[in-house]
């Protein structure tokens, strides 16, 4: 019987093992895939839910009534679309509807 050489990793040339793939050779794969960070995915999810609520693709009139639209009485340089109430605690600040409105105000491409 002849012993065959173990297969080589295409990214770095080391011997291909499961341990190598999980612990040592993740950077080339991640650089090719370019996944979003968890924080970016949360922001995108919040923007998507609020956009669907406003467009009417989600039928939730109670949630839509909780959204405070900012209706300017005169022209200002402020470009925020929503009025977000002040919260003195993190618990109130992270209320889902208020968090979505705050993220939309911070994200300039939404208005």
PDB file of N, CA and C in Angstrom:
ATOM      1  N   UNK A   1       0.825  -1.170   0.000  1.00  0.00           N
ATOM      2  CA  UNK A   1       0.000   0.000   0.000  1.00  0.00           C
ATOM      3  C   UNK A   1       0.883   1.253   0.000  1.00  0.00           C
ATOM      4  N   UNK A   2       0.491   2.228  -0.793  1.00  0.00           N
ATOM      5  CA  UNK A   2       1.237   3.471  -0.828  1.00  0.00           C
ATOM      6  C   UNK A   2       0.446   4.537  -0.090  1.00  0.00           C
ATOM      7  N   UNK A   3       1.164   5.353   0.600  1.00  0.00           N
ATOM      8  CA  UNK A   3       0.527   6.443   1.334  1.00  0.00           C
ATOM      9  C   UNK A   3       0.452   7.665   0.423  1.00  0.00           C
ATOM     10  N   UNK A   4      -0.761   8.171   0.247  1.00  0.00           N
ATOM     11  CA  UNK A   4      -0.954   9.342  -0.603  1.00  0.00           C
ATOM     12  C   UNK A   4      -0.712  10.606   0.201  1.00  0.00           C
ATOM     13  N   UNK A   5      -0.303  11.654  -0.475  1.00  0.00           N
ATOM     14  CA  UNK A   5      -0.112  12.938   0.186  1.00  0.00           C
ATOM     15  C   UNK A   5      -1.472  13.549   0.506  1.00  0.00           C
ATOM     16  N   UNK A   6      -1.584  14.208   1.677  1.00  0.00           N
ATOM     17  CA  UNK A   6      -2.857  14.853   2.001  1.00  0.00           C
ATOM     18  C   UNK A   6      -3.118  16.011   1.040  1.00  0.00           C
ATOM     19  N   UNK A   7      -4.363  16.297   0.782  1.00  0.00           N
ATOM     20  CA  UNK A   7      -4.672  17.413  -0.132  1.00  0.00           C
ATOM     21  C   UNK A   7      -4.194  18.742   0.447  1.00  0.00           C
ATOM     22  N   UNK A   8      -3.898  19.674  -0.437  1.00  0.00           N
ATOM     23  CA  UNK A   8      -3.398  20.990  -0.034  1.00  0.00           C
ATOM     24  C   UNK A   8      -4.526  22.020  -0.081  1.00  0.00           C
ATOM     25  N   UNK A   9      -4.471  22.957   0.842  1.00  0.00           N
ATOM     26  CA  UNK A   9      -5.434  24.065   0.875  1.00  0.00           C
ATOM     27  C   UNK A   9      -5.183  24.975  -0.324  1.00  0.00           C
ATOM     28  N   UNK A  10      -6.229  25.334  -1.025  1.00  0.00           N
ATOM     29  CA  UNK A  10      -6.083  26.178  -2.206  1.00  0.00           C
ATOM     30  C   UNK A  10      -5.719  27.613  -1.859  1.00  0.00           C
ATOM     31  N   UNK A  11      -6.089  28.059  -0.642  1.00  0.00           N
ATOM     32  CA  UNK A  11      -5.830  29.442  -0.253  1.00  0.00           C
ATOM     33  C   UNK A  11      -4.415  29.681   0.231  1.00  0.00           C
ATOM     34  N   UNK A  12      -3.873  28.726   1.042  1.00  0.00           N
ATOM     35  CA  UNK A  12      -2.571  28.993   1.653  1.00  0.00           C
ATOM     36  C   UNK A  12      -1.539  27.904   1.414  1.00  0.00           C
ATOM     37  N   UNK A  13      -1.915  26.744   0.904  1.00  0.00           N
ATOM     38  CA  UNK A  13      -0.963  25.708   0.577  1.00  0.00           C
ATOM     39  C   UNK A  13      -0.637  24.725   1.688  1.00  0.00           C
ATOM     40  N   UNK A  14      -1.229  24.888   2.872  1.00  0.00           N
ATOM     41  CA  UNK A  14      -0.978  23.940   3.962  1.00  0.00           C
ATOM     42  C   UNK A  14      -1.801  22.675   3.744  1.00  0.00           C
ATOM     43  N   UNK A  15      -1.476  21.643   4.548  1.00  0.00           N
ATOM     44  CA  UNK A  15      -2.258  20.413   4.477  1.00  0.00           C
ATOM     45  C   UNK A  15      -3.703  20.696   4.869  1.00  0.00           C
ATOM     46  N   UNK A  16      -4.616  20.163   4.104  1.00  0.00           N
ATOM     47  CA  UNK A  16      -6.038  20.442   4.297  1.00  0.00           C
ATOM     48  C   UNK A  16      -6.615  19.528   5.365  1.00  0.00           C
ATOM     49  N   UNK A  17      -7.033  20.123   6.477  1.00  0.00           N
ATOM     50  CA  UNK A  17      -7.725  19.406   7.546  1.00  0.00           C
ATOM     51  C   UNK A  17      -8.904  20.249   7.977  1.00  0.00           C
ATOM     52  N   UNK A  18      -9.805  19.636   8.726  1.00  0.00           N
ATOM     53  CA  UNK A  18     -10.964  20.384   9.221  1.00  0.00           C
ATOM     54  C   UNK A  18     -10.507  21.473  10.178  1.00  0.00           C
ATOM     55  N   UNK A  19      -9.551  21.128  11.058  1.00  0.00           N
ATOM     56  CA  UNK A  19      -9.044  22.119  12.009  1.00  0.00           C
ATOM     57  C   UNK A  19      -8.435  23.310  11.282  1.00  0.00           C
ATOM     58  N   UNK A  20      -7.700  23.043  10.218  1.00  0.00           N
ATOM     59  CA  UNK A  20      -7.087  24.124   9.444  1.00  0.00           C
ATOM     60  C   UNK A  20      -8.159  25.031   8.841  1.00  0.00           C
ATOM     61  N   UNK A  21      -9.203  24.462   8.291  1.00  0.00           N
ATOM     62  CA  UNK A  21     -10.260  25.258   7.678  1.00  0.00           C
ATOM     63  C   UNK A  21     -10.989  26.118   8.700  1.00  0.00           C
ATOM     64  N   UNK A  22     -11.220  25.582   9.908  1.00  0.00           N
ATOM     65  CA  UNK A  22     -11.993  26.310  10.919  1.00  0.00           C
ATOM     66  C   UNK A  22     -11.164  27.376  11.615  1.00  0.00           C
ATOM     67  N   UNK A  23      -9.926  27.049  11.988  1.00  0.00           N
ATOM     68  CA  UNK A  23      -9.161  27.964  12.836  1.00  0.00           C
ATOM     69  C   UNK A  23      -8.125  28.796  12.101  1.00  0.00           C
ATOM     70  N   UNK A  24      -7.486  28.250  11.087  1.00  0.00           N
ATOM     71  CA  UNK A  24      -6.340  28.929  10.511  1.00  0.00           C
ATOM     72  C   UNK A  24      -6.596  29.590   9.170  1.00  0.00           C
ATOM     73  N   UNK A  25      -7.514  29.098   8.410  1.00  0.00           N
ATOM     74  CA  UNK A  25      -7.652  29.562   7.029  1.00  0.00           C
ATOM     75  C   UNK A  25      -8.992  30.258   6.799  1.00  0.00           C
ATOM     76  N   UNK A  26      -9.437  31.073   7.739  1.00  0.00           N
ATOM     77  CA  UNK A  26     -10.725  31.746   7.571  1.00  0.00           C
ATOM     78  C   UNK A  26     -10.588  33.105   6.908  1.00  0.00           C
ATOM     79  N   UNK A  27      -9.441  33.768   7.052  1.00  0.00           N
ATOM     80  CA  UNK A  27      -9.295  35.113   6.500  1.00  0.00           C
ATOM     81  C   UNK A  27      -9.440  35.167   4.987  1.00  0.00           C
ATOM     82  N   UNK A  28      -8.788  34.284   4.210  1.00  0.00           N
ATOM     83  CA  UNK A  28      -8.987  34.359   2.754  1.00  0.00           C
ATOM     84  C   UNK A  28     -10.445  34.134   2.342  1.00  0.00           C
ATOM     85  N   UNK A  29     -11.109  33.233   3.046  1.00  0.00           N
ATOM     86  CA  UNK A  29     -12.519  32.978   2.727  1.00  0.00           C
ATOM     87  C   UNK A  29     -13.353  34.202   3.057  1.00  0.00           C
ATOM     88  N   UNK A  30     -13.112  34.799   4.234  1.00  0.00           N
ATOM     89  CA  UNK A  30     -13.866  35.992   4.635  1.00  0.00           C
ATOM     90  C   UNK A  30     -13.579  37.171   3.707  1.00  0.00           C
ATOM     91  N   UNK A  31     -12.345  37.297   3.242  1.00  0.00           N
ATOM     92  CA  UNK A  31     -12.028  38.386   2.312  1.00  0.00           C
ATOM     93  C   UNK A  31     -12.752  38.214   0.987  1.00  0.00           C
ATOM     94  N   UNK A  32     -12.944  36.973   0.554  1.00  0.00           N
ATOM     95  CA  UNK A  32     -13.664  36.731  -0.694  1.00  0.00           C
ATOM     96  C   UNK A  32     -15.161  36.969  -0.536  1.00  0.00           C
ATOM     97  N   UNK A  33     -15.731  36.569   0.604  1.00  0.00           N
ATOM     98  CA  UNK A  33     -17.172  36.704   0.815  1.00  0.00           C
ATOM     99  C   UNK A  33     -17.578  38.102   1.246  1.00  0.00           C
ATOM    100  N   UNK A  34     -16.728  38.785   2.008  1.00  0.00           N
ATOM    101  CA  UNK A  34     -16.985  40.121   2.534  1.00  0.00           C
ATOM    102  C   UNK A  34     -18.350  40.209   3.244  1.00  0.00           C
ATOM    103  N   UNK A  35     -18.536  39.422   4.302  1.00  0.00           N
ATOM    104  CA  UNK A  35     -19.815  39.485   5.010  1.00  0.00           C
ATOM    105  C   UNK A  35     -19.944  40.779   5.817  1.00  0.00           C
ATOM    106  N   UNK A  36     -21.177  41.203   6.035  1.00  0.00           N
ATOM    107  CA  UNK A  36     -21.443  42.388   6.847  1.00  0.00           C
ATOM    108  C   UNK A  36     -21.302  42.040   8.318  1.00  0.00           C
ATOM    109  N   UNK A  37     -20.944  43.022   9.108  1.00  0.00           N
ATOM    110  CA  UNK A  37     -20.852  42.801  10.548  1.00  0.00           C
ATOM    111  C   UNK A  37     -22.260  42.681  11.121  1.00  0.00           C
ATOM    112  N   UNK A  38     -22.341  42.176  12.343  1.00  0.00           N
ATOM    113  CA  UNK A  38     -23.634  42.016  12.997  1.00  0.00           C
ATOM    114  C   UNK A  38     -24.312  43.362  13.194  1.00  0.00           C
ATOM    115  N   UNK A  39     -23.557  44.387  13.541  1.00  0.00           N
ATOM    116  CA  UNK A  39     -24.133  45.721  13.733  1.00  0.00           C
ATOM    117  C   UNK A  39     -24.737  46.242  12.426  1.00  0.00           C
ATOM    118  N   UNK A  40     -24.041  46.050  11.317  1.00  0.00           N
ATOM    119  CA  UNK A  40     -24.565  46.501  10.017  1.00  0.00           C
ATOM    120  C   UNK A  40     -25.823  45.728   9.625  1.00  0.00           C
ATOM    121  N   UNK A  41     -25.842  44.427   9.916  1.00  0.00           N
ATOM    122  CA  UNK A  41     -27.038  43.634   9.601  1.00  0.00           C
ATOM    123  C   UNK A  41     -28.225  44.081  10.446  1.00  0.00           C
ATOM    124  N   UNK A  42     -27.989  44.448  11.709  1.00  0.00           N
ATOM    125  CA  UNK A  42     -29.082  44.942  12.562  1.00  0.00           C
ATOM    126  C   UNK A  42     -29.638  46.257  12.037  1.00  0.00           C
ATOM    127  N   UNK A  43     -28.746  47.144  11.604  1.00  0.00           N
ATOM    128  CA  UNK A  43     -29.200  48.424  11.054  1.00  0.00           C
ATOM    129  C   UNK A  43     -30.028  48.192   9.797  1.00  0.00           C
ATOM    130  N   UNK A  44     -29.550  47.326   8.914  1.00  0.00           N
ATOM    131  CA  UNK A  44     -30.301  47.031   7.687  1.00  0.00           C
ATOM    132  C   UNK A  44     -31.657  46.400   7.994  1.00  0.00           C
ATOM    133  N   UNK A  45     -31.721  45.530   8.995  1.00  0.00           N
ATOM    134  CA  UNK A  45     -32.989  44.908   9.367  1.00  0.00           C
ATOM    135  C   UNK A  45     -33.959  45.946   9.908  1.00  0.00           C
ATOM    136  N   UNK A  46     -33.481  46.869  10.745  1.00  0.00           N
ATOM    137  CA  UNK A  46     -34.350  47.930  11.265  1.00  0.00           C
ATOM    138  C   UNK A  46     -34.871  48.825  10.153  1.00  0.00           C
ATOM    139  N   UNK A  47     -33.989  49.188   9.224  1.00  0.00           N
ATOM    140  CA  UNK A  47     -34.417  50.027   8.099  1.00  0.00           C
ATOM    141  C   UNK A  47     -35.435  49.303   7.229  1.00  0.00           C
ATOM    142  N   UNK A  48     -35.226  48.009   7.013  1.00  0.00           N
ATOM    143  CA  UNK A  48     -36.156  47.243   6.174  1.00  0.00           C
ATOM    144  C   UNK A  48     -37.532  47.142   6.816  1.00  0.00           C
ATOM    145  N   UNK A  49     -37.585  46.890   8.116  1.00  0.00           N
ATOM    146  CA  UNK A  49     -38.884  46.772   8.797  1.00  0.00           C
ATOM    147  C   UNK A  49     -39.631  48.104   8.757  1.00  0.00           C
ATOM    148  N   UNK A  50     -38.929  49.199   9.051  1.00  0.00           N
ATOM    149  CA  UNK A  50     -39.596  50.503   9.027  1.00  0.00           C
ATOM    150  C   UNK A  50     -40.057  50.861   7.615  1.00  0.00           C
ATOM    151  N   UNK A  51     -39.255  50.542   6.617  1.00  0.00           N
ATOM    152  CA  UNK A  51     -39.635  50.814   5.233  1.00  0.00           C
ATOM    153  C   UNK A  51     -40.885  50.022   4.846  1.00  0.00           C
ATOM    154  N   UNK A  52     -40.954  48.757   5.270  1.00  0.00           N
ATOM    155  CA  UNK A  52     -42.126  47.935   4.965  1.00  0.00           C
ATOM    156  C   UNK A  52     -43.364  48.439   5.700  1.00  0.00           C
ATOM    157  N   UNK A  53     -43.195  48.929   6.931  1.00  0.00           N
ATOM    158  CA  UNK A  53     -44.331  49.499   7.661  1.00  0.00           C
ATOM    159  C   UNK A  53     -44.882  50.725   6.944  1.00  0.00           C
ATOM    160  N   UNK A  54     -43.989  51.609   6.509  1.00  0.00           N
ATOM    161  CA  UNK A  54     -44.421  52.849   5.869  1.00  0.00           C
ATOM    162  C   UNK A  54     -45.026  52.576   4.497  1.00  0.00           C
ATOM    163  N   UNK A  55     -44.461  51.636   3.745  1.00  0.00           N
ATOM    164  CA  UNK A  55     -44.972  51.310   2.408  1.00  0.00           C
ATOM    165  C   UNK A  55     -46.288  50.547   2.436  1.00  0.00           C
ATOM    166  N   UNK A  56     -46.635  49.974   3.573  1.00  0.00           N
ATOM    167  CA  UNK A  56     -47.873  49.212   3.666  1.00  0.00           C
ATOM    168  C   UNK A  56     -47.713  47.745   3.327  1.00  0.00           C
ATOM    169  N   UNK A  57     -46.478  47.282   3.163  1.00  0.00           N
ATOM    170  CA  UNK A  57     -46.272  45.857   2.885  1.00  0.00           C
ATOM    171  C   UNK A  57     -46.470  45.005   4.132  1.00  0.00           C
ATOM    172  N   UNK A  58     -46.394  45.640   5.309  1.00  0.00           N
ATOM    173  CA  UNK A  58     -46.709  44.975   6.569  1.00  0.00           C
ATOM    174  C   UNK A  58     -47.981  45.620   7.087  1.00  0.00           C
ATOM    175  N   UNK A  59     -49.011  44.816   7.273  1.00  0.00           N
ATOM    176  CA  UNK A  59     -50.303  45.342   7.715  1.00  0.00           C
ATOM    177  C   UNK A  59     -50.328  45.380   9.245  1.00  0.00           C
ATOM    178  N   UNK A  60     -49.864  46.501   9.792  1.00  0.00           N
ATOM    179  CA  UNK A  60     -49.833  46.678  11.244  1.00  0.00           C
ATOM    180  C   UNK A  60     -50.188  48.122  11.563  1.00  0.00           C
ATOM    181  N   UNK A  61     -51.486  48.458  11.569  1.00  0.00           N
ATOM    182  CA  UNK A  61     -51.878  49.847  11.802  1.00  0.00           C
ATOM    183  C   UNK A  61     -51.483  50.370  13.177  1.00  0.00           C
ATOM    184  N   UNK A  62     -51.455  49.495  14.182  1.00  0.00           N
ATOM    185  CA  UNK A  62     -51.059  49.958  15.515  1.00  0.00           C
ATOM    186  C   UNK A  62     -49.591  50.387  15.519  1.00  0.00           C
ATOM    187  N   UNK A  63     -48.712  49.582  14.895  1.00  0.00           N
ATOM    188  CA  UNK A  63     -47.303  49.951  14.826  1.00  0.00           C
ATOM    189  C   UNK A  63     -47.100  51.216  14.000  1.00  0.00           C
ATOM    190  N   UNK A  64     -47.867  51.350  12.931  1.00  0.00           N
ATOM    191  CA  UNK A  64     -47.766  52.543  12.095  1.00  0.00           C
ATOM    192  C   UNK A  64     -48.204  53.788  12.862  1.00  0.00           C
ATOM    193  N   UNK A  65     -49.154  53.628  13.766  1.00  0.00           N
ATOM    194  CA  UNK A  65     -49.601  54.780  14.560  1.00  0.00           C
ATOM    195  C   UNK A  65     -48.552  55.224  15.572  1.00  0.00           C
ATOM    196  N   UNK A  66     -47.601  54.367  15.896  1.00  0.00           N
ATOM    197  CA  UNK A  66     -46.552  54.720  16.854  1.00  0.00           C
ATOM    198  C   UNK A  66     -45.420  55.519  16.214  1.00  0.00           C
ATOM    199  N   UNK A  67     -45.378  55.560  14.891  1.00  0.00           N
ATOM    200  CA  UNK A  67     -44.315  56.278  14.188  1.00  0.00           C
ATOM    201  C   UNK A  67     -44.667  57.755  14.130  1.00  0.00           C
ATOM    202  N   UNK A  68     -43.748  58.596  14.593  1.00  0.00           N
ATOM    203  CA  UNK A  68     -43.955  60.049  14.621  1.00  0.00           C
ATOM    204  C   UNK A  68     -43.226  60.689  13.443  1.00  0.00           C
ATOM    205  N   UNK A  69     -43.967  61.050  12.415  1.00  0.00           N
ATOM    206  CA  UNK A  69     -43.363  61.710  11.263  1.00  0.00           C
ATOM    207  C   UNK A  69     -43.106  63.174  11.593  1.00  0.00           C
ATOM    208  N   UNK A  70     -42.005  63.688  11.109  1.00  0.00           N
ATOM    209  CA  UNK A  70     -41.680  65.094  11.317  1.00  0.00           C
ATOM    210  C   UNK A  70     -42.206  65.875  10.128  1.00  0.00           C
ATOM    211  N   UNK A  71     -43.146  66.768  10.393  1.00  0.00           N
ATOM    212  CA  UNK A  71     -43.728  67.598   9.339  1.00  0.00           C
ATOM    213  C   UNK A  71     -43.226  69.019   9.558  1.00  0.00           C
ATOM    214  N   UNK A  72     -42.281  69.468   8.742  1.00  0.00           N
ATOM    215  CA  UNK A  72     -41.710  70.804   8.975  1.00  0.00           C
ATOM    216  C   UNK A  72     -42.706  71.908   8.638  1.00  0.00           C
ATOM    217  N   UNK A  73     -42.728  72.941   9.471  1.00  0.00           N
ATOM    218  CA  UNK A  73     -43.607  74.083   9.216  1.00  0.00           C
ATOM    219  C   UNK A  73     -42.918  75.117   8.344  1.00  0.00           C
ATOM    220  N   UNK A  74     -41.587  75.106   8.340  1.00  0.00           N
ATOM    221  CA  UNK A  74     -40.820  75.995   7.472  1.00  0.00           C
ATOM    222  C   UNK A  74     -39.523  75.289   7.092  1.00  0.00           C
ATOM    223  N   UNK A  75     -38.836  75.812   6.083  1.00  0.00           N
ATOM    224  CA  UNK A  75     -37.629  75.173   5.569  1.00  0.00           C
ATOM    225  C   UNK A  75     -36.475  75.337   6.557  1.00  0.00           C
ATOM    226  N   UNK A  76     -35.861  74.223   6.908  1.00  0.00           N
ATOM    227  CA  UNK A  76     -34.651  74.249   7.743  1.00  0.00           C
ATOM    228  C   UNK A  76     -33.624  73.303   7.114  1.00  0.00           C
ATOM    229  N   UNK A  77     -32.410  73.338   7.653  1.00  0.00           N
ATOM    230  CA  UNK A  77     -31.375  72.437   7.152  1.00  0.00           C
ATOM    231  C   UNK A  77     -31.482  71.052   7.766  1.00  0.00           C
ATOM    232  N   UNK A  78     -32.364  70.873   8.708  1.00  0.00           N
ATOM    233  CA  UNK A  78     -32.548  69.568   9.331  1.00  0.00           C
ATOM    234  C   UNK A  78     -33.213  68.623   8.340  1.00  0.00           C
ATOM    235  N   UNK A  79     -32.660  67.436   8.184  1.00  0.00           N
ATOM    236  CA  UNK A  79     -33.227  66.495   7.217  1.00  0.00           C
ATOM    237  C   UNK A  79     -33.773  65.250   7.907  1.00  0.00           C
ATOM    238  N   UNK A  80     -34.064  65.329   9.188  1.00  0.00           N
ATOM    239  CA  UNK A  80     -34.605  64.159   9.879  1.00  0.00           C
ATOM    240  C   UNK A  80     -36.062  63.955   9.480  1.00  0.00           C
ATOM    241  N   UNK A  81     -36.450  62.706   9.341  1.00  0.00           N
ATOM    242  CA  UNK A  81     -37.797  62.366   8.884  1.00  0.00           C
ATOM    243  C   UNK A  81     -38.754  62.060  10.026  1.00  0.00           C
ATOM    244  N   UNK A  82     -38.199  61.768  11.216  1.00  0.00           N
ATOM    245  CA  UNK A  82     -39.025  61.324  12.329  1.00  0.00           C
ATOM    246  C   UNK A  82     -38.689  62.102  13.591  1.00  0.00           C
ATOM    247  N   UNK A  83     -39.678  62.238  14.463  1.00  0.00           N
ATOM    248  CA  UNK A  83     -39.479  62.843  15.780  1.00  0.00           C
ATOM    249  C   UNK A  83     -39.318  61.701  16.763  1.00  0.00           C
ATOM    250  N   UNK A  84     -38.145  61.615  17.355  1.00  0.00           N
ATOM    251  CA  UNK A  84     -37.859  60.551  18.308  1.00  0.00           C
ATOM    252  C   UNK A  84     -37.921  61.146  19.711  1.00  0.00           C
ATOM    253  N   UNK A  85     -38.780  60.613  20.583  1.00  0.00           N
ATOM    254  CA  UNK A  85     -38.872  61.163  21.940  1.00  0.00           C
ATOM    255  C   UNK A  85     -37.581  60.940  22.726  1.00  0.00           C
ATOM    256  N   UNK A  86     -37.334  61.825  23.690  1.00  0.00           N
ATOM    257  CA  UNK A  86     -36.148  61.719  24.538  1.00  0.00           C
ATOM    258  C   UNK A  86     -36.339  60.596  25.546  1.00  0.00           C
ATOM    259  N   UNK A  87     -35.269  59.838  25.770  1.00  0.00           N
ATOM    260  CA  UNK A  87     -35.287  58.775  26.767  1.00  0.00           C
ATOM    261  C   UNK A  87     -34.106  58.967  27.708  1.00  0.00           C
ATOM    262  N   UNK A  88     -34.360  58.872  29.002  1.00  0.00           N
ATOM    263  CA  UNK A  88     -33.281  59.034  29.980  1.00  0.00           C
ATOM    264  C   UNK A  88     -32.608  57.702  30.305  1.00  0.00           C
ATOM    265  N   UNK A  89     -33.160  56.592  29.834  1.00  0.00           N
ATOM    266  CA  UNK A  89     -32.571  55.286  30.110  1.00  0.00           C
ATOM    267  C   UNK A  89     -32.299  54.557  28.800  1.00  0.00           C
ATOM    268  N   UNK A  90     -31.367  53.613  28.840  1.00  0.00           N
ATOM    269  CA  UNK A  90     -31.086  52.789  27.659  1.00  0.00           C
ATOM    270  C   UNK A  90     -32.263  51.892  27.326  1.00  0.00           C
ATOM    271  N   UNK A  91     -33.007  51.488  28.355  1.00  0.00           N
ATOM    272  CA  UNK A  91     -34.168  50.638  28.123  1.00  0.00           C
ATOM    273  C   UNK A  91     -35.179  51.353  27.224  1.00  0.00           C
ATOM    274  N   UNK A  92     -35.452  52.605  27.506  1.00  0.00           N
ATOM    275  CA  UNK A  92     -36.376  53.369  26.672  1.00  0.00           C
ATOM    276  C   UNK A  92     -35.781  53.714  25.324  1.00  0.00           C
ATOM    277  N   UNK A  93     -34.485  53.986  25.314  1.00  0.00           N
ATOM    278  CA  UNK A  93     -33.827  54.347  24.058  1.00  0.00           C
ATOM    279  C   UNK A  93     -33.841  53.199  23.063  1.00  0.00           C
ATOM    280  N   UNK A  94     -33.840  51.965  23.546  1.00  0.00           N
ATOM    281  CA  UNK A  94     -33.830  50.798  22.669  1.00  0.00           C
ATOM    282  C   UNK A  94     -35.219  50.234  22.406  1.00  0.00           C
ATOM    283  N   UNK A  95     -36.247  51.004  22.671  1.00  0.00           N
ATOM    284  CA  UNK A  95     -37.600  50.636  22.267  1.00  0.00           C
ATOM    285  C   UNK A  95     -37.569  50.418  20.751  1.00  0.00           C
ATOM    286  N   UNK A  96     -38.100  49.305  20.255  1.00  0.00           N
ATOM    287  CA  UNK A  96     -37.921  48.977  18.826  1.00  0.00           C
ATOM    288  C   UNK A  96     -38.382  50.063  17.854  1.00  0.00           C
ATOM    289  N   UNK A  97     -39.542  50.648  18.068  1.00  0.00           N
ATOM    290  CA  UNK A  97     -40.032  51.673  17.132  1.00  0.00           C
ATOM    291  C   UNK A  97     -39.162  52.922  17.212  1.00  0.00           C
ATOM    292  N   UNK A  98     -38.818  53.339  18.420  1.00  0.00           N
ATOM    293  CA  UNK A  98     -37.986  54.541  18.577  1.00  0.00           C
ATOM    294  C   UNK A  98     -36.572  54.290  18.035  1.00  0.00           C
ATOM    295  N   UNK A  99     -36.053  53.072  18.214  1.00  0.00           N
ATOM    296  CA  UNK A  99     -34.735  52.734  17.670  1.00  0.00           C
ATOM    297  C   UNK A  99     -34.760  52.803  16.143  1.00  0.00           C
ATOM    298  N   UNK A 100     -35.826  52.290  15.530  1.00  0.00           N
ATOM    299  CA  UNK A 100     -35.928  52.331  14.060  1.00  0.00           C
ATOM    300  C   UNK A 100     -35.981  53.770  13.558  1.00  0.00           C
ATOM    301  N   UNK A 101     -36.761  54.617  14.246  1.00  0.00           N
ATOM    302  CA  UNK A 101     -36.849  56.018  13.825  1.00  0.00           C
ATOM    303  C   UNK A 101     -35.506  56.721  13.998  1.00  0.00           C
ATOM    304  N   UNK A 102     -34.797  56.454  15.104  1.00  0.00           N
ATOM    305  CA  UNK A 102     -33.500  57.068  15.352  1.00  0.00           C
ATOM    306  C   UNK A 102     -32.483  56.633  14.297  1.00  0.00           C
ATOM    307  N   UNK A 103     -32.479  55.356  13.953  1.00  0.00           N
ATOM    308  CA  UNK A 103     -31.541  54.859  12.940  1.00  0.00           C
ATOM    309  C   UNK A 103     -31.844  55.489  11.588  1.00  0.00           C
ATOM    310  N   UNK A 104     -33.109  55.640  11.273  1.00  0.00           N
ATOM    311  CA  UNK A 104     -33.465  56.278   9.991  1.00  0.00           C
ATOM    312  C   UNK A 104     -33.022  57.733   9.956  1.00  0.00           C
ATOM    313  N   UNK A 105     -33.159  58.435  11.073  1.00  0.00           N
ATOM    314  CA  UNK A 105     -32.693  59.818  11.114  1.00  0.00           C
ATOM    315  C   UNK A 105     -31.179  59.896  10.959  1.00  0.00           C
ATOM    316  N   UNK A 106     -30.461  58.931  11.521  1.00  0.00           N
ATOM    317  CA  UNK A 106     -29.006  58.917  11.417  1.00  0.00           C
ATOM    318  C   UNK A 106     -28.532  58.474  10.038  1.00  0.00           C
ATOM    319  N   UNK A 107     -29.324  57.665   9.381  1.00  0.00           N
ATOM    320  CA  UNK A 107     -28.968  57.127   8.070  1.00  0.00           C
ATOM    321  C   UNK A 107     -29.484  58.092   7.017  1.00  0.00           C
ATOM    322  N   UNK A 108     -28.614  58.872   6.439  1.00  0.00           N
ATOM    323  CA  UNK A 108     -29.030  59.980   5.563  1.00  0.00           C
ATOM    324  C   UNK A 108     -29.703  59.522   4.284  1.00  0.00           C
ATOM    325  N   UNK A 109     -29.438  58.324   3.797  1.00  0.00           N
ATOM    326  CA  UNK A 109     -30.004  57.878   2.526  1.00  0.00           C
ATOM    327  C   UNK A 109     -31.471  57.515   2.594  1.00  0.00           C
ATOM    328  N   UNK A 110     -32.072  57.497   3.779  1.00  0.00           N
ATOM    329  CA  UNK A 110     -33.451  57.047   3.896  1.00  0.00           C
ATOM    330  C   UNK A 110     -34.444  58.158   3.619  1.00  0.00           C
ATOM    331  N   UNK A 111     -34.140  59.391   4.001  1.00  0.00           N
ATOM    332  CA  UNK A 111     -35.127  60.478   3.906  1.00  0.00           C
ATOM    333  C   UNK A 111     -35.362  60.955   2.503  1.00  0.00           C
TER     334      UNK A 111
END
